[in-house]
Amino acid sequence: MLTCIIRYQIDPTKRDHFIRYAHNWGQAIPRCGADLIGYFAPHEGSSTLAYGLYNIPSLAAYEAYRARLADDPLGRENYAFAQSEKFLLREDRTFLTLASAPHGELT
């Protein structure tokens, strides 16, 4: 299992745009096959950093998921919304594997 962590730099004056964007992904991402952990908007501290996290079984599954997302009506609408409103200043994706499992067991 891979966890995709998307780090966004957002325009702090357009936080509400990011929240709308995140809400839309909350519907489209699970429908297209990824296990959404969540989207996180700034609350305290930095007003420009936001995150999206989801799990996907493999990079091959990720490629198939991205194709479904690009064909999804809400996915296309959300991509267009981000491009037209320009609230995403930077977007970086990192794929990680869980290294601490199992949690809480004594060795």
N, C-alpha and C. Protein backbone atom coordinates (compact mmCIF):
# COMPACT_ATOMS: atom_id res chain seq x y z
N MET A 1 0.85 -1.18 0.00
CA MET A 1 0.00 0.00 0.00
C MET A 1 0.89 1.24 0.00
N LEU A 2 0.54 2.21 -0.83
CA LEU A 2 1.24 3.49 -0.89
C LEU A 2 0.31 4.58 -0.37
N THR A 3 0.90 5.54 0.30
CA THR A 3 0.16 6.73 0.70
C THR A 3 0.69 7.89 -0.13
N CYS A 4 -0.22 8.54 -0.85
CA CYS A 4 0.14 9.72 -1.63
C CYS A 4 -0.14 10.94 -0.76
N ILE A 5 0.88 11.73 -0.55
CA ILE A 5 0.74 12.97 0.20
C ILE A 5 0.97 14.11 -0.78
N ILE A 6 -0.06 14.93 -0.94
CA ILE A 6 0.03 16.09 -1.82
C ILE A 6 0.18 17.32 -0.94
N ARG A 7 1.27 18.03 -1.14
CA ARG A 7 1.53 19.27 -0.40
C ARG A 7 1.23 20.42 -1.34
N TYR A 8 0.29 21.25 -0.93
CA TYR A 8 -0.12 22.39 -1.73
C TYR A 8 0.39 23.67 -1.10
N GLN A 9 0.85 24.59 -1.92
CA GLN A 9 1.03 25.97 -1.49
C GLN A 9 -0.15 26.70 -2.10
N ILE A 10 -0.95 27.33 -1.24
CA ILE A 10 -2.17 27.99 -1.72
C ILE A 10 -2.08 29.49 -1.49
N ASP A 11 -2.86 30.21 -2.26
CA ASP A 11 -3.01 31.65 -2.06
C ASP A 11 -3.82 31.83 -0.77
N PRO A 12 -3.25 32.46 0.26
CA PRO A 12 -3.96 32.56 1.53
C PRO A 12 -5.24 33.39 1.45
N THR A 13 -5.37 34.21 0.42
CA THR A 13 -6.61 34.99 0.28
C THR A 13 -7.71 34.18 -0.39
N LYS A 14 -7.37 32.95 -0.83
CA LYS A 14 -8.35 32.10 -1.51
C LYS A 14 -8.52 30.76 -0.79
N ARG A 15 -8.42 30.78 0.53
CA ARG A 15 -8.58 29.57 1.34
C ARG A 15 -9.94 28.92 1.07
N ASP A 16 -10.99 29.71 0.94
CA ASP A 16 -12.32 29.17 0.67
C ASP A 16 -12.37 28.41 -0.66
N HIS A 17 -11.60 28.86 -1.63
CA HIS A 17 -11.52 28.15 -2.91
C HIS A 17 -10.92 26.76 -2.68
N PHE A 18 -9.87 26.71 -1.87
CA PHE A 18 -9.24 25.41 -1.60
C PHE A 18 -10.23 24.49 -0.87
N ILE A 19 -11.00 25.03 0.05
CA ILE A 19 -11.97 24.20 0.78
C ILE A 19 -13.01 23.63 -0.18
N ARG A 20 -13.48 24.42 -1.14
CA ARG A 20 -14.41 23.91 -2.15
C ARG A 20 -13.76 22.81 -2.97
N TYR A 21 -12.52 23.04 -3.37
CA TYR A 21 -11.73 22.08 -4.13
C TYR A 21 -11.59 20.77 -3.36
N ALA A 22 -11.25 20.87 -2.08
CA ALA A 22 -11.08 19.70 -1.22
C ALA A 22 -12.40 18.93 -1.08
N HIS A 23 -13.49 19.65 -0.90
CA HIS A 23 -14.81 19.01 -0.76
C HIS A 23 -15.14 18.22 -2.03
N ASN A 24 -14.87 18.80 -3.18
CA ASN A 24 -15.13 18.09 -4.44
C ASN A 24 -14.29 16.82 -4.56
N TRP A 25 -13.01 16.89 -4.17
CA TRP A 25 -12.17 15.69 -4.21
C TRP A 25 -12.68 14.66 -3.21
N GLY A 26 -13.28 15.12 -2.12
CA GLY A 26 -13.84 14.19 -1.14
C GLY A 26 -14.92 13.31 -1.73
N GLN A 27 -15.53 13.74 -2.79
CA GLN A 27 -16.53 12.93 -3.50
C GLN A 27 -15.90 12.15 -4.65
N ALA A 28 -15.07 12.81 -5.45
CA ALA A 28 -14.54 12.20 -6.67
C ALA A 28 -13.46 11.16 -6.41
N ILE A 29 -12.57 11.40 -5.49
CA ILE A 29 -11.43 10.49 -5.26
C ILE A 29 -11.90 9.10 -4.86
N PRO A 30 -12.75 8.95 -3.84
CA PRO A 30 -13.20 7.59 -3.50
C PRO A 30 -13.97 6.92 -4.64
N ARG A 31 -14.76 7.69 -5.36
CA ARG A 31 -15.53 7.14 -6.48
C ARG A 31 -14.61 6.59 -7.57
N CYS A 32 -13.42 7.18 -7.70
CA CYS A 32 -12.50 6.77 -8.76
C CYS A 32 -11.49 5.72 -8.30
N GLY A 33 -11.56 5.29 -7.03
CA GLY A 33 -10.78 4.13 -6.62
C GLY A 33 -9.67 4.31 -5.62
N ALA A 34 -9.46 5.50 -5.08
CA ALA A 34 -8.44 5.67 -4.05
C ALA A 34 -9.12 5.74 -2.68
N ASP A 35 -8.38 5.35 -1.65
CA ASP A 35 -8.87 5.40 -0.27
C ASP A 35 -8.47 6.75 0.32
N LEU A 36 -9.39 7.70 0.27
CA LEU A 36 -9.10 9.06 0.72
C LEU A 36 -8.97 9.12 2.23
N ILE A 37 -7.85 9.63 2.71
CA ILE A 37 -7.66 9.91 4.13
C ILE A 37 -8.26 11.27 4.44
N GLY A 38 -7.95 12.26 3.60
CA GLY A 38 -8.56 13.57 3.76
C GLY A 38 -7.76 14.68 3.13
N TYR A 39 -8.41 15.82 3.04
CA TYR A 39 -7.79 17.07 2.61
C TYR A 39 -7.77 17.99 3.82
N PHE A 40 -6.68 18.71 3.99
CA PHE A 40 -6.47 19.52 5.18
C PHE A 40 -6.10 20.95 4.77
N ALA A 41 -6.88 21.91 5.27
CA ALA A 41 -6.66 23.33 4.97
C ALA A 41 -5.93 23.97 6.15
N PRO A 42 -5.26 25.10 5.92
CA PRO A 42 -4.58 25.80 7.00
C PRO A 42 -5.54 26.19 8.13
N HIS A 43 -5.05 26.06 9.34
CA HIS A 43 -5.84 26.47 10.51
C HIS A 43 -5.04 27.44 11.37
N GLU A 44 -3.89 26.98 11.85
CA GLU A 44 -2.97 27.84 12.60
C GLU A 44 -1.58 27.66 12.01
N GLY A 45 -0.71 28.57 12.29
CA GLY A 45 0.63 28.50 11.73
C GLY A 45 0.61 29.04 10.31
N SER A 46 1.17 28.28 9.39
CA SER A 46 1.23 28.71 8.00
C SER A 46 -0.17 28.86 7.43
N SER A 47 -0.37 29.94 6.71
CA SER A 47 -1.67 30.13 6.05
C SER A 47 -1.60 29.75 4.58
N THR A 48 -0.45 29.20 4.16
CA THR A 48 -0.28 28.89 2.75
C THR A 48 -0.10 27.40 2.47
N LEU A 49 0.00 26.55 3.50
CA LEU A 49 0.22 25.12 3.27
C LEU A 49 -1.06 24.34 3.52
N ALA A 50 -1.37 23.44 2.59
CA ALA A 50 -2.52 22.55 2.70
C ALA A 50 -2.08 21.17 2.20
N TYR A 51 -2.83 20.14 2.58
CA TYR A 51 -2.44 18.77 2.24
C TYR A 51 -3.63 17.94 1.80
N GLY A 52 -3.37 16.99 0.95
CA GLY A 52 -4.31 15.94 0.59
C GLY A 52 -3.61 14.61 0.75
N LEU A 53 -4.29 13.61 1.33
CA LEU A 53 -3.68 12.30 1.57
C LEU A 53 -4.66 11.21 1.17
N TYR A 54 -4.14 10.22 0.45
CA TYR A 54 -4.95 9.05 0.15
C TYR A 54 -4.05 7.85 -0.04
N ASN A 55 -4.64 6.67 0.13
CA ASN A 55 -3.94 5.41 -0.06
C ASN A 55 -4.32 4.81 -1.40
N ILE A 56 -3.35 4.12 -1.99
CA ILE A 56 -3.55 3.45 -3.27
C ILE A 56 -2.68 2.18 -3.24
N PRO A 57 -3.16 1.07 -3.79
CA PRO A 57 -2.40 -0.18 -3.66
C PRO A 57 -1.00 -0.18 -4.30
N SER A 58 -0.84 0.49 -5.44
CA SER A 58 0.43 0.43 -6.17
C SER A 58 0.51 1.60 -7.15
N LEU A 59 1.68 1.78 -7.75
CA LEU A 59 1.81 2.83 -8.76
C LEU A 59 0.99 2.50 -10.01
N ALA A 60 0.85 1.22 -10.34
CA ALA A 60 0.00 0.84 -11.47
C ALA A 60 -1.45 1.18 -11.17
N ALA A 61 -1.90 0.92 -9.95
CA ALA A 61 -3.27 1.29 -9.54
C ALA A 61 -3.43 2.80 -9.55
N TYR A 62 -2.38 3.53 -9.20
CA TYR A 62 -2.42 4.99 -9.23
C TYR A 62 -2.65 5.50 -10.65
N GLU A 63 -1.95 4.92 -11.62
CA GLU A 63 -2.12 5.35 -13.01
C GLU A 63 -3.55 5.11 -13.49
N ALA A 64 -4.12 3.97 -13.15
CA ALA A 64 -5.50 3.68 -13.54
C ALA A 64 -6.48 4.62 -12.83
N TYR A 65 -6.23 4.89 -11.56
CA TYR A 65 -7.05 5.82 -10.79
C TYR A 65 -7.00 7.22 -11.40
N ARG A 66 -5.81 7.69 -11.77
CA ARG A 66 -5.68 9.02 -12.37
C ARG A 66 -6.44 9.12 -13.70
N ALA A 67 -6.44 8.05 -14.47
CA ALA A 67 -7.20 8.05 -15.73
C ALA A 67 -8.70 8.14 -15.45
N ARG A 68 -9.18 7.39 -14.45
CA ARG A 68 -10.60 7.47 -14.09
C ARG A 68 -10.95 8.86 -13.57
N LEU A 69 -10.07 9.45 -12.79
CA LEU A 69 -10.30 10.79 -12.24
C LEU A 69 -10.37 11.83 -13.35
N ALA A 70 -9.53 11.69 -14.36
CA ALA A 70 -9.55 12.62 -15.50
C ALA A 70 -10.82 12.49 -16.32
N ASP A 71 -11.44 11.32 -16.30
CA ASP A 71 -12.70 11.11 -17.03
C ASP A 71 -13.94 11.43 -16.19
N ASP A 72 -13.77 11.57 -14.89
CA ASP A 72 -14.89 11.83 -13.99
C ASP A 72 -15.39 13.27 -14.18
N PRO A 73 -16.70 13.49 -14.33
CA PRO A 73 -17.21 14.86 -14.53
C PRO A 73 -16.82 15.83 -13.41
N LEU A 74 -16.92 15.41 -12.16
CA LEU A 74 -16.54 16.29 -11.06
C LEU A 74 -15.02 16.49 -11.03
N GLY A 75 -14.27 15.45 -11.39
CA GLY A 75 -12.81 15.57 -11.47
C GLY A 75 -12.41 16.61 -12.51
N ARG A 76 -13.00 16.53 -13.69
CA ARG A 76 -12.70 17.51 -14.74
C ARG A 76 -13.09 18.92 -14.30
N GLU A 77 -14.26 19.03 -13.68
CA GLU A 77 -14.73 20.34 -13.20
C GLU A 77 -13.77 20.90 -12.15
N ASN A 78 -13.28 20.05 -11.27
CA ASN A 78 -12.39 20.51 -10.21
C ASN A 78 -11.03 20.95 -10.76
N TYR A 79 -10.51 20.20 -11.72
CA TYR A 79 -9.25 20.61 -12.37
C TYR A 79 -9.43 21.99 -13.02
N ALA A 80 -10.54 22.18 -13.73
CA ALA A 80 -10.80 23.46 -14.41
C ALA A 80 -10.98 24.59 -13.40
N PHE A 81 -11.65 24.30 -12.30
CA PHE A 81 -11.85 25.30 -11.24
C PHE A 81 -10.50 25.77 -10.69
N ALA A 82 -9.61 24.84 -10.41
CA ALA A 82 -8.28 25.21 -9.89
C ALA A 82 -7.50 26.04 -10.90
N GLN A 83 -7.58 25.68 -12.16
CA GLN A 83 -6.85 26.43 -13.19
C GLN A 83 -7.42 27.83 -13.38
N SER A 84 -8.73 27.95 -13.37
CA SER A 84 -9.33 29.27 -13.62
C SER A 84 -9.18 30.22 -12.43
N GLU A 85 -9.24 29.68 -11.22
CA GLU A 85 -9.18 30.54 -10.02
C GLU A 85 -7.77 30.75 -9.49
N LYS A 86 -6.82 29.94 -9.92
CA LYS A 86 -5.40 30.10 -9.61
C LYS A 86 -5.10 30.21 -8.10
N PHE A 87 -5.76 29.40 -7.31
CA PHE A 87 -5.51 29.41 -5.86
C PHE A 87 -4.42 28.42 -5.46
N LEU A 88 -4.08 27.49 -6.36
CA LEU A 88 -2.98 26.56 -6.11
C LEU A 88 -1.71 27.14 -6.72
N LEU A 89 -0.77 27.50 -5.87
CA LEU A 89 0.47 28.10 -6.34
C LEU A 89 1.54 27.06 -6.63
N ARG A 90 1.46 25.93 -5.91
CA ARG A 90 2.42 24.83 -6.08
C ARG A 90 1.77 23.57 -5.57
N GLU A 91 2.12 22.45 -6.20
CA GLU A 91 1.57 21.15 -5.84
C GLU A 91 2.67 20.11 -5.96
N ASP A 92 2.99 19.44 -4.86
CA ASP A 92 4.02 18.41 -4.86
C ASP A 92 3.44 17.10 -4.35
N ARG A 93 3.71 15.99 -5.05
CA ARG A 93 3.24 14.67 -4.64
C ARG A 93 4.41 13.83 -4.17
N THR A 94 4.20 13.13 -3.07
CA THR A 94 5.17 12.19 -2.55
C THR A 94 4.44 10.89 -2.25
N PHE A 95 5.03 9.77 -2.62
CA PHE A 95 4.47 8.46 -2.32
C PHE A 95 5.31 7.81 -1.23
N LEU A 96 4.64 7.41 -0.16
CA LEU A 96 5.33 6.82 0.99
C LEU A 96 4.71 5.47 1.33
N THR A 97 5.51 4.62 1.98
CA THR A 97 4.99 3.36 2.51
C THR A 97 5.07 3.43 4.03
N LEU A 98 4.12 2.79 4.68
CA LEU A 98 4.04 2.78 6.14
C LEU A 98 5.20 1.94 6.69
N ALA A 99 6.02 2.56 7.51
CA ALA A 99 7.19 1.87 8.06
C ALA A 99 7.01 1.51 9.54
N SER A 100 6.01 2.00 10.20
CA SER A 100 5.87 1.80 11.64
C SER A 100 4.90 0.69 12.03
N ALA A 101 4.28 0.02 11.07
CA ALA A 101 3.30 -1.03 11.40
C ALA A 101 4.01 -2.29 11.84
N PRO A 102 3.45 -3.06 12.72
CA PRO A 102 2.20 -2.79 13.43
C PRO A 102 2.42 -1.79 14.55
N HIS A 103 1.44 -0.98 14.80
CA HIS A 103 1.53 0.05 15.84
C HIS A 103 1.24 -0.55 17.22
N GLY A 104 1.95 -0.06 18.22
CA GLY A 104 1.62 -0.38 19.60
C GLY A 104 2.04 -1.75 20.09
N GLU A 105 2.71 -2.55 19.28
CA GLU A 105 3.13 -3.87 19.74
C GLU A 105 4.53 -3.76 20.33
N LEU A 106 4.72 -4.46 21.44
CA LEU A 106 6.04 -4.52 22.07
C LEU A 106 6.88 -5.57 21.38
N THR A 107 8.17 -5.26 21.27
CA THR A 107 9.06 -6.25 20.64
C THR A 107 10.00 -6.84 21.64
